[in-house]
Amino acid sequence: MSLQTLTYIAVIGSFALYIGIAIWAKASSTGDFYVAGKGVHPVANGMATAADWMSAASFISMAGLIAFLGYGGSVYLMGWTGGYVLLALLLAPYLRKFGRFTVPEFIGDRYYSQTARIVAVICLIFISFTYVAGQMRGVGIVFSRFLEVEILTGLLIGMGIVFFYAVLGGMKGITYTQVAQYCVLIFAYTVPAIFISFQITGNPIPQLAFGSTVSGESVFLLEKLDRVVQDLGFNAYTLGNKTTVDIFAITLALMVGTAGLPHVIVRFFTVPKVRDARRSAFWALAFIAILYTTAPAVGSMARLNLIETVQPEAIGSETGNLVYEERPQWFKTWEKTGLLRFEDKNGDGRIQYYNDGNATFAATAESYGWQGNELSVDRDIMVLANPEIANLPNWVIALVAAGGIAAALSTAAGLLLVISASISHDLCKGVFIPDLREKNELLIGRIAAAVAVIVAGYLGYNPPGFVSQVVAFAFGLAAASLFPVILMGIFSKRINKEGAVAGMLTGLLFTMGYIIYFKGVFIDPIGVNTAEHWLFGISPEGIGAVGMVLNFIVATVVSRLTSEPPEEIQQLVEDIRVPRGAGEAQAH
């Protein structure tokens, strides 16, 4: 059976499953639509949270980053994993005890201010739309390659599916759909990793293969990879290419951004008890760990496979390059997507793949008659292309396609629902129409979700970067805007509404302005987006850490210069922070 036929079967079959679950779990009330009726079991919620969390960035892009950045890509592993520890310890049980539907609702009530609630909604919308742009780009990449349709067509199909089960099922439908999507994506990620691990090292367990020797050679996988990349003028794979300050900033921004992401936080409102919120965080971390401990092996083996395909004879030698006309089928099909490009700069019909920015190696390359790197590889294709490069069976490649789509759609649905809830519940009912009937609120929520799907599709078609980079920006915005006021709202009785609003606006505007300056207005042709121009040497991906610090400082100073919160608010904070009988406490 052909790859395209198998892919259609896998993708259509998984779509049918998701739609069937959405129909079965159709939301009939605002409680179902926003928080799944607060009746989800912790294990199921942990699995749904993992699917919500392991987006296209985790499935498609993270291993690609590790493949090209090597050690430098570890910041994404450390930051995204460590963030869940913060979430489990500092936020999840306390927010669940507070018992509101949304993050802006918590902020509005805790800071006794509709203004704070509106600012929180603005922050949430910026974060969510930035994040969802990466997911929709992932959908477009998978569809354009495996279903061999235009990226726009793929986006429209993905938008239609998300529209159906997000608008119809709400959080209840999304939760149980995400349980199924987790099963699909984790199976799709680990099966090819097992195949390739065994193929390269003889060890079928990717986590162990990562530290094993290459089959038939007395050299370790990472040692060999270091050698082959250095032979092409690249930095050693196991050495970082970022400064210590930037690594620290990116890791911190990703960690606290995780704990401040509204679509992740809202998952802990869907369980029956406060105790279940902690259990959900534990199960989510366990389910996430399966993919995150596999990713380094996938990234390293993908890079090795790519180089050995392009340089089949002798790495870094004049005669070792692949003849373009003899390129394999996977190369041809990915070329059609525009994500893999070859330019024959010296007219010899061979592919020169090397680091032409390395002055030392460039001199060697010139002696071979090379005139610059001729191969451009979008890092977002590495996980998807790796099974094809390794000549795995077609059913495995089709499975990867289904998994990539599941990862992107699961997170997109969660984000779109958060946007919907912020508009219908926090703005319409919470601010503008307090006596809004539940039926009308549900209708507004569905209309808002539909509009959000359209905007998300546009952002997916015109994304501001590759998937993980776009997602990193969203984490930076969350770290700089929402995380500080949520944390201070739980653990500080002194922070008042003036401080919270000033802190959120400062963190959001500073971080967004920095990202736009370096990634939006000034893009590298004029040489601005380089480390020497960054504040303290911190890249746009890590600037959220600075925005977070500014948020804390501004909120604290403004609160000290203005009046204390009312006594009832201080008592509310005390009640949240001291979880008396937390195991049995119900939301009040």
Protein backbone atom coordinates (compact mmCIF):
# COMPACT_ATOMS: atom_id res chain seq x y z
CA MET A 1 0.00 0.00 0.00
CA SER A 2 1.39 3.44 -0.90
CA LEU A 3 2.54 5.95 1.69
CA GLN A 4 -0.12 8.47 0.68
CA THR A 5 -2.90 5.90 1.01
CA LEU A 6 -1.66 4.80 4.44
CA THR A 7 -1.38 8.41 5.51
CA TYR A 8 -4.94 9.17 4.47
CA ILE A 9 -6.14 6.10 6.38
CA ALA A 10 -4.20 7.08 9.53
CA VAL A 11 -5.22 10.74 9.43
CA ILE A 12 -8.87 10.24 8.48
CA GLY A 13 -9.19 7.41 11.02
CA SER A 14 -7.83 9.61 13.81
CA PHE A 15 -10.07 12.51 12.75
CA ALA A 16 -13.11 10.25 12.86
CA LEU A 17 -12.12 9.21 16.38
CA TYR A 18 -11.78 12.81 17.55
CA ILE A 19 -15.08 13.88 16.01
CA GLY A 20 -16.86 10.86 17.48
CA ILE A 21 -15.56 11.71 20.95
CA ALA A 22 -16.62 15.35 20.52
CA ILE A 23 -20.17 14.27 19.66
CA TRP A 24 -20.26 11.86 22.60
CA ALA A 25 -18.95 14.51 25.03
CA LYS A 26 -20.93 17.46 23.70
CA ALA A 27 -21.07 20.36 26.18
CA SER A 28 -24.57 21.09 27.44
CA SER A 29 -23.75 23.81 29.97
CA THR A 30 -21.17 26.54 30.55
CA GLY A 31 -19.59 24.33 33.20
CA ASP A 32 -19.09 21.60 30.60
CA PHE A 33 -17.89 24.11 28.03
CA TYR A 34 -15.32 25.85 30.27
CA VAL A 35 -14.12 23.22 32.77
CA ALA A 36 -15.67 19.87 31.69
CA GLY A 37 -18.09 19.95 34.61
CA LYS A 38 -15.14 19.58 37.05
CA GLY A 39 -15.54 15.82 36.85
CA VAL A 40 -12.41 14.58 35.05
CA HIS A 41 -10.36 11.80 36.71
CA PRO A 42 -6.76 12.88 37.58
CA VAL A 43 -5.18 10.23 35.33
CA ALA A 44 -7.36 11.21 32.36
CA ASN A 45 -6.75 14.87 33.12
CA GLY A 46 -3.01 14.23 33.31
CA MET A 47 -3.11 12.56 29.90
CA ALA A 48 -5.20 15.38 28.44
CA THR A 49 -2.87 17.95 29.98
CA ALA A 50 0.12 16.16 28.44
CA ALA A 51 -1.55 16.27 25.01
CA ASP A 52 -2.47 19.93 25.55
CA TRP A 53 1.12 20.60 26.54
CA MET A 54 2.97 18.49 23.97
CA SER A 55 2.13 20.68 21.05
CA ALA A 56 3.58 20.84 17.57
CA ALA A 57 6.59 22.48 19.23
CA SER A 58 7.27 19.36 21.30
CA PHE A 59 6.38 16.78 18.66
CA ILE A 60 7.63 18.43 15.47
CA SER A 61 10.09 21.15 16.37
CA MET A 62 11.88 20.37 19.64
CA ALA A 63 13.89 17.40 18.34
CA GLY A 64 14.66 19.48 15.24
CA LEU A 65 16.08 22.20 17.47
CA ILE A 66 18.15 19.63 19.35
CA ALA A 67 19.28 18.14 16.02
CA PHE A 68 20.72 21.47 14.87
CA LEU A 69 21.60 23.16 18.16
CA GLY A 70 22.86 20.08 19.99
CA TYR A 71 23.55 20.93 23.61
CA GLY A 72 22.08 24.41 23.09
CA GLY A 73 18.68 22.84 22.42
CA SER A 74 18.59 21.42 25.94
CA VAL A 75 17.14 24.70 27.22
CA TYR A 76 13.78 23.65 25.80
CA LEU A 77 13.89 20.30 27.59
CA MET A 78 14.92 21.84 30.90
CA GLY A 79 12.56 24.79 30.74
CA TRP A 80 9.41 23.04 29.60
CA THR A 81 9.87 20.11 32.00
CA GLY A 82 10.91 22.19 34.98
CA GLY A 83 7.92 24.43 34.52
CA TYR A 84 5.60 21.62 35.45
CA VAL A 85 7.31 21.28 38.82
CA LEU A 86 6.60 24.94 39.47
CA LEU A 87 3.03 24.51 38.30
CA ALA A 88 2.40 21.49 40.55
CA LEU A 89 3.95 23.08 43.65
CA LEU A 90 3.10 26.76 43.39
CA LEU A 91 -0.09 27.19 41.39
CA ALA A 92 -2.27 24.20 40.55
CA PRO A 93 -3.76 23.25 43.98
CA TYR A 94 -4.29 26.85 45.06
CA LEU A 95 -6.01 27.91 41.86
CA ARG A 96 -8.21 24.82 42.00
CA LYS A 97 -9.18 25.67 45.55
CA PHE A 98 -10.13 29.17 44.45
CA GLY A 99 -12.53 27.43 42.08
CA ARG A 100 -13.05 29.87 39.22
CA PHE A 101 -13.40 29.02 35.52
CA THR A 102 -10.55 31.08 34.08
CA VAL A 103 -7.27 32.81 34.92
CA PRO A 104 -8.66 36.34 34.25
CA GLU A 105 -11.54 35.52 36.59
CA PHE A 106 -9.07 34.64 39.35
CA ILE A 107 -7.09 37.82 38.72
CA GLY A 108 -10.23 39.98 38.58
CA ASP A 109 -11.57 38.58 41.88
CA ARG A 110 -8.22 38.43 43.69
CA TYR A 111 -7.36 42.01 42.73
CA TYR A 112 -10.97 43.20 43.17
CA SER A 113 -10.81 45.00 39.84
CA GLN A 114 -12.50 44.74 36.46
CA THR A 115 -9.54 46.63 35.01
CA ALA A 116 -7.17 43.90 36.20
CA ARG A 117 -9.50 41.32 34.70
CA ILE A 118 -9.54 43.11 31.32
CA VAL A 119 -5.73 43.49 31.29
CA ALA A 120 -5.41 39.77 32.10
CA VAL A 121 -7.70 38.99 29.15
CA ILE A 122 -5.53 41.13 26.86
CA CYS A 123 -2.39 39.32 28.07
CA LEU A 124 -4.10 35.95 27.62
CA ILE A 125 -5.19 36.73 24.07
CA PHE A 126 -1.71 37.86 23.03
CA ILE A 127 -0.14 34.75 24.60
CA SER A 128 -2.68 32.34 23.15
CA PHE A 129 -2.65 33.69 19.61
CA THR A 130 1.17 33.73 19.59
CA TYR A 131 1.16 30.11 20.76
CA VAL A 132 -1.56 28.95 18.38
CA ALA A 133 0.34 30.37 15.40
CA GLY A 134 3.00 27.72 15.99
CA GLN A 135 0.42 24.94 16.19
CA MET A 136 -1.27 25.89 12.94
CA ARG A 137 2.09 26.12 11.19
CA GLY A 138 2.73 22.56 12.36
CA VAL A 139 -0.60 21.46 10.90
CA GLY A 140 0.29 23.08 7.58
CA ILE A 141 3.70 21.39 7.46
CA VAL A 142 2.29 17.92 8.09
CA PHE A 143 -0.56 18.28 5.60
CA SER A 144 1.60 19.81 2.88
CA ARG A 145 4.05 16.92 2.98
CA PHE A 146 2.07 13.80 3.77
CA LEU A 147 -1.24 14.58 2.11
CA GLU A 148 0.57 16.43 -0.69
CA VAL A 149 -1.70 19.44 -0.59
CA GLU A 150 -0.93 23.15 -0.39
CA ILE A 151 -0.19 24.48 3.08
CA LEU A 152 -3.29 26.70 2.87
CA THR A 153 -5.47 23.67 2.04
CA GLY A 154 -3.96 21.76 4.95
CA LEU A 155 -4.62 24.66 7.29
CA LEU A 156 -8.26 24.86 6.19
CA ILE A 157 -8.74 21.14 6.86
CA GLY A 158 -7.13 21.47 10.29
CA MET A 159 -9.21 24.54 11.09
CA GLY A 160 -12.37 22.65 10.19
CA ILE A 161 -11.56 19.76 12.50
CA VAL A 162 -10.63 22.01 15.43
CA PHE A 163 -13.72 24.13 14.84
CA PHE A 164 -15.93 21.07 15.07
CA TYR A 165 -14.76 19.54 18.30
CA ALA A 166 -13.76 22.77 20.10
CA VAL A 167 -16.98 24.63 19.31
CA LEU A 168 -19.27 21.64 19.78
CA GLY A 169 -17.66 19.86 22.72
CA GLY A 170 -16.03 22.71 24.63
CA MET A 171 -13.63 21.68 27.39
CA LYS A 172 -15.53 18.45 28.00
CA GLY A 173 -15.16 17.35 24.38
CA ILE A 174 -11.60 18.63 24.15
CA THR A 175 -10.54 16.81 27.32
CA TYR A 176 -11.55 13.36 26.14
CA THR A 177 -10.39 14.09 22.60
CA GLN A 178 -6.99 14.99 24.02
CA VAL A 179 -6.79 11.67 25.85
CA ALA A 180 -7.12 9.94 22.47
CA GLN A 181 -4.69 12.41 20.89
CA TYR A 182 -2.09 11.69 23.56
CA CYS A 183 -2.26 7.98 22.77
CA VAL A 184 -1.86 8.71 19.05
CA LEU A 185 1.00 11.17 19.38
CA ILE A 186 3.06 9.23 21.93
CA PHE A 187 2.76 6.02 19.91
CA ALA A 188 3.67 7.94 16.74
CA TYR A 189 6.72 9.49 18.40
CA THR A 190 8.16 6.45 20.14
CA VAL A 191 7.65 3.74 17.50
CA PRO A 192 9.97 5.29 14.87
CA ALA A 193 12.41 6.25 17.64
CA ILE A 194 12.62 2.57 18.64
CA PHE A 195 13.15 1.49 15.04
CA ILE A 196 15.90 4.05 14.39
CA SER A 197 17.62 3.47 17.74
CA PHE A 198 17.89 -0.23 16.97
CA GLN A 199 19.01 0.52 13.42
CA ILE A 200 21.87 2.82 14.49
CA THR A 201 23.00 1.38 17.83
CA GLY A 202 21.42 -2.06 18.13
CA ASN A 203 19.62 -0.85 21.27
CA PRO A 204 15.83 -0.44 20.83
CA ILE A 205 15.40 1.88 23.84
CA PRO A 206 16.01 5.45 22.62
CA GLN A 207 16.99 6.78 26.05
CA LEU A 208 19.74 4.12 26.28
CA ALA A 209 20.68 4.30 22.61
CA PHE A 210 21.50 7.98 23.14
CA GLY A 211 24.51 6.87 25.22
CA SER A 212 25.34 3.71 23.28
CA THR A 213 27.95 2.87 20.66
CA VAL A 214 27.11 2.87 16.96
CA SER A 215 26.50 -0.61 15.52
CA GLY A 216 29.65 -2.10 13.98
CA GLU A 217 31.83 0.69 15.35
CA SER A 218 33.59 1.17 18.66
CA VAL A 219 32.48 4.79 18.92
CA PHE A 220 29.64 6.30 20.89
CA LEU A 221 26.72 7.94 19.06
CA LEU A 222 27.45 11.44 20.39
CA GLU A 223 31.17 11.04 19.81
CA LYS A 224 30.55 10.13 16.18
CA LEU A 225 28.09 12.98 15.76
CA ASP A 226 30.62 15.44 17.19
CA ARG A 227 33.15 14.25 14.65
CA VAL A 228 30.91 14.41 11.59
CA VAL A 229 29.51 17.86 12.31
CA GLN A 230 32.96 19.26 13.03
CA ASP A 231 34.21 17.75 9.79
CA LEU A 232 31.69 20.00 8.04
CA GLY A 233 32.68 23.13 9.93
CA PHE A 234 29.84 23.09 12.46
CA ASN A 235 30.31 23.46 16.21
CA ALA A 236 30.68 20.24 18.17
CA TYR A 237 27.25 18.77 18.85
CA THR A 238 27.88 18.41 22.59
CA LEU A 239 29.08 22.00 23.01
CA GLY A 240 26.65 24.86 23.43
CA ASN A 241 26.41 27.79 21.04
CA LYS A 242 24.68 30.09 23.51
CA THR A 243 26.08 32.15 26.37
CA THR A 244 25.47 31.05 29.95
CA VAL A 245 23.34 34.14 30.56
CA ASP A 246 21.12 33.42 27.56
CA ILE A 247 20.74 29.74 28.47
CA PHE A 248 19.71 30.71 31.99
CA ALA A 249 17.26 33.36 30.74
CA ILE A 250 15.61 31.09 28.16
CA THR A 251 15.30 28.21 30.64
CA LEU A 252 13.81 30.50 33.30
CA ALA A 253 11.40 32.11 30.82
CA LEU A 254 10.21 28.70 29.63
CA MET A 255 9.84 27.41 33.20
CA VAL A 256 7.81 30.28 34.58
CA GLY A 257 6.04 30.66 31.25
CA THR A 258 4.82 27.08 31.62
CA ALA A 259 3.38 27.90 35.00
CA GLY A 260 1.69 31.00 33.57
CA LEU A 261 0.15 29.52 30.43
CA PRO A 262 -3.63 29.94 30.69
CA HIS A 263 -4.56 26.87 28.59
CA VAL A 264 -2.45 24.69 30.91
CA ILE A 265 -3.67 26.27 34.15
CA VAL A 266 -7.33 25.87 33.18
CA ARG A 267 -6.86 22.09 33.02
CA PHE A 268 -6.56 22.02 36.81
CA PHE A 269 -10.05 23.50 37.15
CA THR A 270 -11.51 20.37 35.51
CA VAL A 271 -10.87 17.93 38.39
CA PRO A 272 -13.27 17.30 41.30
CA LYS A 273 -11.00 18.13 44.26
CA VAL A 274 -7.99 20.22 45.22
CA ARG A 275 -5.98 17.06 45.87
CA ASP A 276 -6.73 15.91 42.32
CA ALA A 277 -5.04 19.03 40.92
CA ARG A 278 -1.69 17.87 42.34
CA ARG A 279 -2.31 14.33 41.11
CA SER A 280 -3.09 15.66 37.64
CA ALA A 281 0.21 17.54 37.58
CA PHE A 282 2.07 14.37 38.61
CA TRP A 283 0.43 12.26 35.90
CA ALA A 284 0.94 14.95 33.29
CA LEU A 285 4.66 15.11 34.10
CA ALA A 286 4.92 11.31 33.88
CA PHE A 287 3.19 11.22 30.49
CA ILE A 288 5.26 14.14 29.20
CA ALA A 289 8.51 12.51 30.35
CA ILE A 290 8.03 9.65 27.88
CA LEU A 291 8.37 12.03 24.93
CA TYR A 292 10.83 14.45 26.50
CA THR A 293 13.36 11.76 27.42
CA THR A 294 13.08 10.36 23.89
CA ALA A 295 13.56 13.69 22.09
CA PRO A 296 17.37 14.03 22.57
CA ALA A 297 17.92 10.62 20.97
CA VAL A 298 15.55 11.45 18.11
CA GLY A 299 17.30 14.77 17.46
CA SER A 300 20.82 13.35 17.47
CA MET A 301 19.96 10.38 15.27
CA ALA A 302 18.05 12.59 12.82
CA ARG A 303 21.10 14.84 12.42
CA LEU A 304 23.41 11.86 11.90
CA ASN A 305 21.07 10.28 9.34
CA LEU A 306 20.76 13.54 7.41
CA ILE A 307 24.50 14.12 7.19
CA GLU A 308 25.30 10.53 6.24
CA THR A 309 22.67 10.69 3.50
CA VAL A 310 23.99 13.94 2.04
CA GLN A 311 27.65 12.92 2.60
CA PRO A 312 27.48 9.16 1.90
CA GLU A 313 31.18 8.45 1.36
CA ALA A 314 33.51 10.67 3.32
CA ILE A 315 32.36 13.45 5.58
CA GLY A 316 33.88 16.81 4.70
CA SER A 317 35.80 15.62 1.65
CA GLU A 318 35.65 16.74 -1.95
CA THR A 319 34.29 13.39 -3.20
CA GLY A 320 31.88 12.66 -0.38
CA ASN A 321 28.89 14.67 -1.52
CA LEU A 322 25.61 13.25 -2.79
CA VAL A 323 24.98 13.64 -6.52
CA TYR A 324 21.80 15.71 -6.76
CA GLU A 325 20.28 13.64 -9.57
CA GLU A 326 20.72 10.52 -7.40
CA ARG A 327 18.99 12.02 -4.36
CA PRO A 328 16.53 9.68 -2.57
CA GLN A 329 12.77 9.90 -2.84
CA TRP A 330 12.30 11.52 0.58
CA PHE A 331 14.55 14.37 -0.56
CA LYS A 332 12.39 14.93 -3.65
CA THR A 333 9.10 14.93 -1.77
CA TRP A 334 10.30 17.35 0.91
CA GLU A 335 11.66 19.65 -1.80
CA LYS A 336 8.10 20.03 -3.06
CA THR A 337 7.09 21.57 0.26
CA GLY A 338 9.77 24.27 0.01
CA LEU A 339 11.11 23.27 3.43
CA LEU A 340 14.15 21.55 1.90
CA ARG A 341 16.03 23.51 -0.77
CA PHE A 342 19.10 22.89 -2.93
CA GLU A 343 21.00 25.55 -4.87
CA ASP A 344 23.91 24.35 -7.03
CA LYS A 345 26.28 27.26 -6.47
CA ASN A 346 29.33 25.77 -8.18
CA GLY A 347 27.52 23.84 -10.93
CA ASP A 348 29.07 20.43 -10.14
CA GLY A 349 25.74 18.65 -9.61
CA ARG A 350 26.69 17.59 -6.07
CA ILE A 351 25.23 18.76 -2.77
CA GLN A 352 27.65 20.76 -0.64
CA TYR A 353 26.30 20.84 2.91
CA TYR A 354 28.61 22.60 5.38
CA ASN A 355 28.98 25.64 7.58
CA ASP A 356 30.18 28.35 5.23
CA GLY A 357 30.15 30.81 8.14
CA ASN A 358 33.16 29.04 9.65
CA ALA A 359 36.14 30.93 8.23
CA THR A 360 38.59 28.10 8.93
CA PHE A 361 36.50 25.45 7.18
CA ALA A 362 35.47 27.85 4.40
CA ALA A 363 39.09 27.95 3.27
CA THR A 364 39.15 24.15 3.08
CA ALA A 365 35.85 24.16 1.20
CA GLU A 366 37.21 26.63 -1.33
CA SER A 367 40.12 24.29 -2.02
CA TYR A 368 37.50 21.67 -3.01
CA GLY A 369 35.91 24.14 -5.41
CA TRP A 370 32.86 24.71 -3.19
CA GLN A 371 31.26 28.14 -3.30
CA GLY A 372 28.98 28.10 -0.28
CA ASN A 373 26.49 25.88 1.50
CA GLU A 374 23.93 24.60 -1.00
CA LEU A 375 21.41 22.82 1.25
CA SER A 376 18.78 24.56 3.39
CA VAL A 377 16.91 22.33 5.83
CA ASP A 378 13.98 23.70 7.85
CA ARG A 379 14.50 22.32 11.35
CA ASP A 380 10.76 21.72 11.70
CA ILE A 381 10.93 18.81 9.24
CA MET A 382 13.50 16.69 11.08
CA VAL A 383 11.13 14.53 13.15
CA LEU A 384 8.73 14.09 10.23
CA ALA A 385 11.45 13.33 7.68
CA ASN A 386 13.59 11.13 9.94
CA PRO A 387 11.60 7.88 9.39
CA GLU A 388 11.81 8.42 5.61
CA ILE A 389 15.54 9.13 5.76
CA ALA A 390 15.97 5.92 7.75
CA ASN A 391 13.89 3.95 5.19
CA LEU A 392 11.32 2.81 7.75
CA PRO A 393 8.11 1.09 6.61
CA ASN A 394 5.38 3.29 5.14
CA TRP A 395 2.98 2.54 8.00
CA VAL A 396 5.46 4.05 10.47
CA ILE A 397 5.77 7.22 8.36
CA ALA A 398 1.97 7.47 8.14
CA LEU A 399 1.76 7.06 11.91
CA VAL A 400 4.16 9.97 12.39
CA ALA A 401 1.94 12.16 10.22
CA ALA A 402 -1.11 11.31 12.35
CA GLY A 403 0.89 11.99 15.52
CA GLY A 404 2.13 15.37 14.32
CA ILE A 405 -1.39 16.47 13.48
CA ALA A 406 -2.70 15.16 16.83
CA ALA A 407 -0.04 17.14 18.71
CA ALA A 408 -0.79 20.38 16.87
CA LEU A 409 -4.59 20.09 16.98
CA SER A 410 -4.77 19.09 20.66
CA THR A 411 -2.94 22.22 21.79
CA ALA A 412 -4.68 24.46 19.26
CA ALA A 413 -8.06 23.34 20.57
CA GLY A 414 -7.09 24.08 24.17
CA LEU A 415 -5.79 27.51 23.25
CA LEU A 416 -8.85 28.39 21.21
CA LEU A 417 -11.12 27.41 24.07
CA VAL A 418 -9.16 29.63 26.46
CA ILE A 419 -9.55 32.54 24.04
CA SER A 420 -13.26 31.77 23.73
CA ALA A 421 -13.76 31.62 27.51
CA SER A 422 -11.88 34.88 28.06
CA ILE A 423 -14.20 36.68 25.64
CA SER A 424 -17.54 35.12 26.58
CA HIS A 425 -17.04 34.57 30.33
CA ASP A 426 -14.51 37.20 31.37
CA LEU A 427 -15.46 40.09 29.11
CA CYS A 428 -19.11 39.63 28.11
CA LYS A 429 -20.50 38.13 31.31
CA GLY A 430 -17.84 39.31 33.75
CA VAL A 431 -17.60 42.95 32.62
CA PHE A 432 -20.12 44.11 30.04
CA ILE A 433 -23.30 41.99 30.57
CA PRO A 434 -23.30 40.63 34.16
CA ASP A 435 -26.86 39.24 33.86
CA LEU A 436 -26.10 37.32 30.65
CA ARG A 437 -28.10 34.09 30.52
CA GLU A 438 -26.12 30.83 30.44
CA LYS A 439 -27.56 29.82 27.06
CA ASN A 440 -26.46 33.11 25.48
CA GLU A 441 -23.07 32.94 27.15
CA LEU A 442 -22.55 29.48 25.66
CA LEU A 443 -23.54 30.81 22.22
CA ILE A 444 -21.12 33.74 22.50
CA GLY A 445 -18.38 31.32 23.58
CA ARG A 446 -18.92 29.20 20.48
CA ILE A 447 -18.97 32.22 18.19
CA ALA A 448 -15.75 33.50 19.79
CA ALA A 449 -14.14 30.08 19.28
CA ALA A 450 -15.13 30.13 15.62
CA VAL A 451 -13.60 33.59 15.09
CA ALA A 452 -10.47 32.49 16.96
CA VAL A 453 -10.12 29.50 14.63
CA ILE A 454 -10.09 31.85 11.61
CA VAL A 455 -7.48 34.15 13.16
CA ALA A 456 -5.38 31.11 14.16
CA GLY A 457 -5.46 29.83 10.60
CA TYR A 458 -4.20 33.16 9.29
CA LEU A 459 -1.37 33.21 11.83
CA GLY A 460 -0.49 29.64 10.88
CA TYR A 461 -0.22 30.68 7.25
CA ASN A 462 1.94 33.72 8.09
CA PRO A 463 3.89 32.66 11.22
CA PRO A 464 6.59 34.91 12.72
CA GLY A 465 9.14 32.07 12.97
CA PHE A 466 9.63 28.33 13.15
CA VAL A 467 7.35 26.39 15.50
CA SER A 468 9.46 26.17 18.67
CA GLN A 469 10.63 29.76 18.30
CA VAL A 470 7.06 31.07 18.05
CA VAL A 471 6.06 28.97 21.06
CA ALA A 472 9.05 30.26 23.03
CA PHE A 473 7.79 33.81 22.43
CA ALA A 474 4.40 32.81 23.88
CA PHE A 475 6.11 31.41 26.98
CA GLY A 476 8.09 34.63 27.36
CA LEU A 477 4.89 36.67 27.24
CA ALA A 478 3.24 34.38 29.82
CA ALA A 479 6.29 34.59 32.09
CA ALA A 480 6.38 38.37 31.89
CA SER A 481 2.66 39.09 32.27
CA LEU A 482 0.51 36.47 34.00
CA PHE A 483 2.86 34.35 36.12
CA PRO A 484 3.99 37.10 38.54
CA VAL A 485 0.49 38.36 39.32
CA ILE A 486 -0.84 34.82 39.78
CA LEU A 487 2.03 33.90 42.10
CA MET A 488 1.81 37.13 44.08
CA GLY A 489 -1.95 36.80 44.17
CA ILE A 490 -1.58 33.50 46.00
CA PHE A 491 1.36 34.22 48.29
CA SER A 492 1.25 37.97 48.98
CA LYS A 493 -1.58 39.76 50.75
CA ARG A 494 0.02 43.16 50.10
CA ILE A 495 -0.12 43.25 46.29
CA ASN A 496 -3.11 45.36 45.27
CA LYS A 497 -5.00 46.06 42.06
CA GLU A 498 -2.86 49.05 41.06
CA GLY A 499 0.31 47.01 41.42
CA ALA A 500 -1.10 44.03 39.51
CA VAL A 501 -2.27 46.13 36.55
CA ALA A 502 0.98 48.11 36.38
CA GLY A 503 3.05 44.92 36.63
CA MET A 504 1.15 43.06 33.91
CA LEU A 505 1.28 45.97 31.48
CA THR A 506 4.99 46.57 32.13
CA GLY A 507 5.94 42.93 31.63
CA LEU A 508 3.75 42.48 28.54
CA LEU A 509 4.75 45.70 26.77
CA PHE A 510 8.46 45.34 27.49
CA THR A 511 8.62 41.70 26.37
CA MET A 512 6.44 42.15 23.32
CA GLY A 513 8.33 45.29 22.28
CA TYR A 514 11.67 43.48 22.56
CA ILE A 515 10.44 40.52 20.51
CA ILE A 516 8.91 42.74 17.82
CA TYR A 517 12.04 44.89 17.64
CA PHE A 518 14.34 41.94 17.01
CA LYS A 519 12.01 39.48 15.30
CA GLY A 520 9.36 41.63 13.67
CA VAL A 521 10.66 44.99 12.54
CA PHE A 522 14.38 44.36 12.33
CA ILE A 523 15.10 40.96 10.80
CA ASP A 524 18.67 39.90 10.40
CA PRO A 525 19.63 41.30 6.95
CA ILE A 526 20.60 44.54 8.66
CA GLY A 527 22.51 42.68 11.36
CA VAL A 528 20.51 43.87 14.38
CA ASN A 529 19.39 40.45 15.60
CA THR A 530 22.76 39.37 16.92
CA ALA A 531 23.99 38.79 20.45
CA GLU A 532 25.97 42.03 20.69
CA HIS A 533 22.76 44.02 20.25
CA TRP A 534 20.70 42.07 22.80
CA LEU A 535 20.06 43.46 26.28
CA PHE A 536 22.54 41.73 28.62
CA GLY A 537 23.17 39.26 25.79
CA ILE A 538 19.66 37.79 26.21
CA SER A 539 17.88 36.61 23.05
CA PRO A 540 14.21 37.35 22.30
CA GLU A 541 13.39 33.75 23.30
CA GLY A 542 14.67 34.44 26.82
CA ILE A 543 13.68 38.07 27.36
CA GLY A 544 10.51 37.01 29.18
CA ALA A 545 12.72 36.37 32.23
CA VAL A 546 13.64 40.06 32.33
CA GLY A 547 10.02 41.03 31.74
CA MET A 548 9.03 38.84 34.69
CA VAL A 549 11.52 40.57 36.98
CA LEU A 550 10.24 43.97 35.87
CA ASN A 551 6.67 42.81 36.55
CA PHE A 552 7.57 41.75 40.10
CA ILE A 553 9.44 45.01 40.79
CA VAL A 554 6.77 47.33 39.37
CA ALA A 555 3.90 45.47 41.05
CA THR A 556 5.66 45.52 44.42
CA VAL A 557 6.70 49.19 44.26
CA VAL A 558 3.31 50.43 43.06
CA SER A 559 1.51 48.35 45.71
CA ARG A 560 3.71 49.82 48.45
CA LEU A 561 2.97 53.35 47.23
CA THR A 562 -0.80 52.79 47.18
CA SER A 563 -3.36 51.55 49.68
CA GLU A 564 -3.49 47.98 50.97
CA PRO A 565 -6.07 45.55 49.57
CA PRO A 566 -9.36 45.37 51.52
CA GLU A 567 -9.45 43.12 54.57
CA GLU A 568 -11.73 40.58 52.89
CA ILE A 569 -9.26 40.20 50.02
CA GLN A 570 -6.40 39.62 52.44
CA GLN A 571 -8.50 36.98 54.19
CA LEU A 572 -9.28 35.41 50.80
CA VAL A 573 -5.54 35.11 50.10
CA GLU A 574 -5.05 33.51 53.50
CA ASP A 575 -7.80 30.99 52.77
CA ILE A 576 -6.27 30.09 49.40
CA ARG A 577 -2.74 29.75 50.74
CA VAL A 578 -3.53 27.60 53.78
CA PRO A 579 -5.26 24.51 52.33
CA ARG A 580 -7.03 23.31 55.47
CA GLY A 581 -8.66 19.98 54.60
CA ALA A 582 -7.48 20.46 51.06
CA GLY A 583 -7.99 16.83 50.18
CA GLU A 584 -11.72 17.09 50.67
CA ALA A 585 -12.24 20.77 49.95
CA GLN A 586 -14.66 21.56 47.19
CA ALA A 587 -14.59 24.71 45.13
CA HIS A 588 -16.52 27.45 46.82
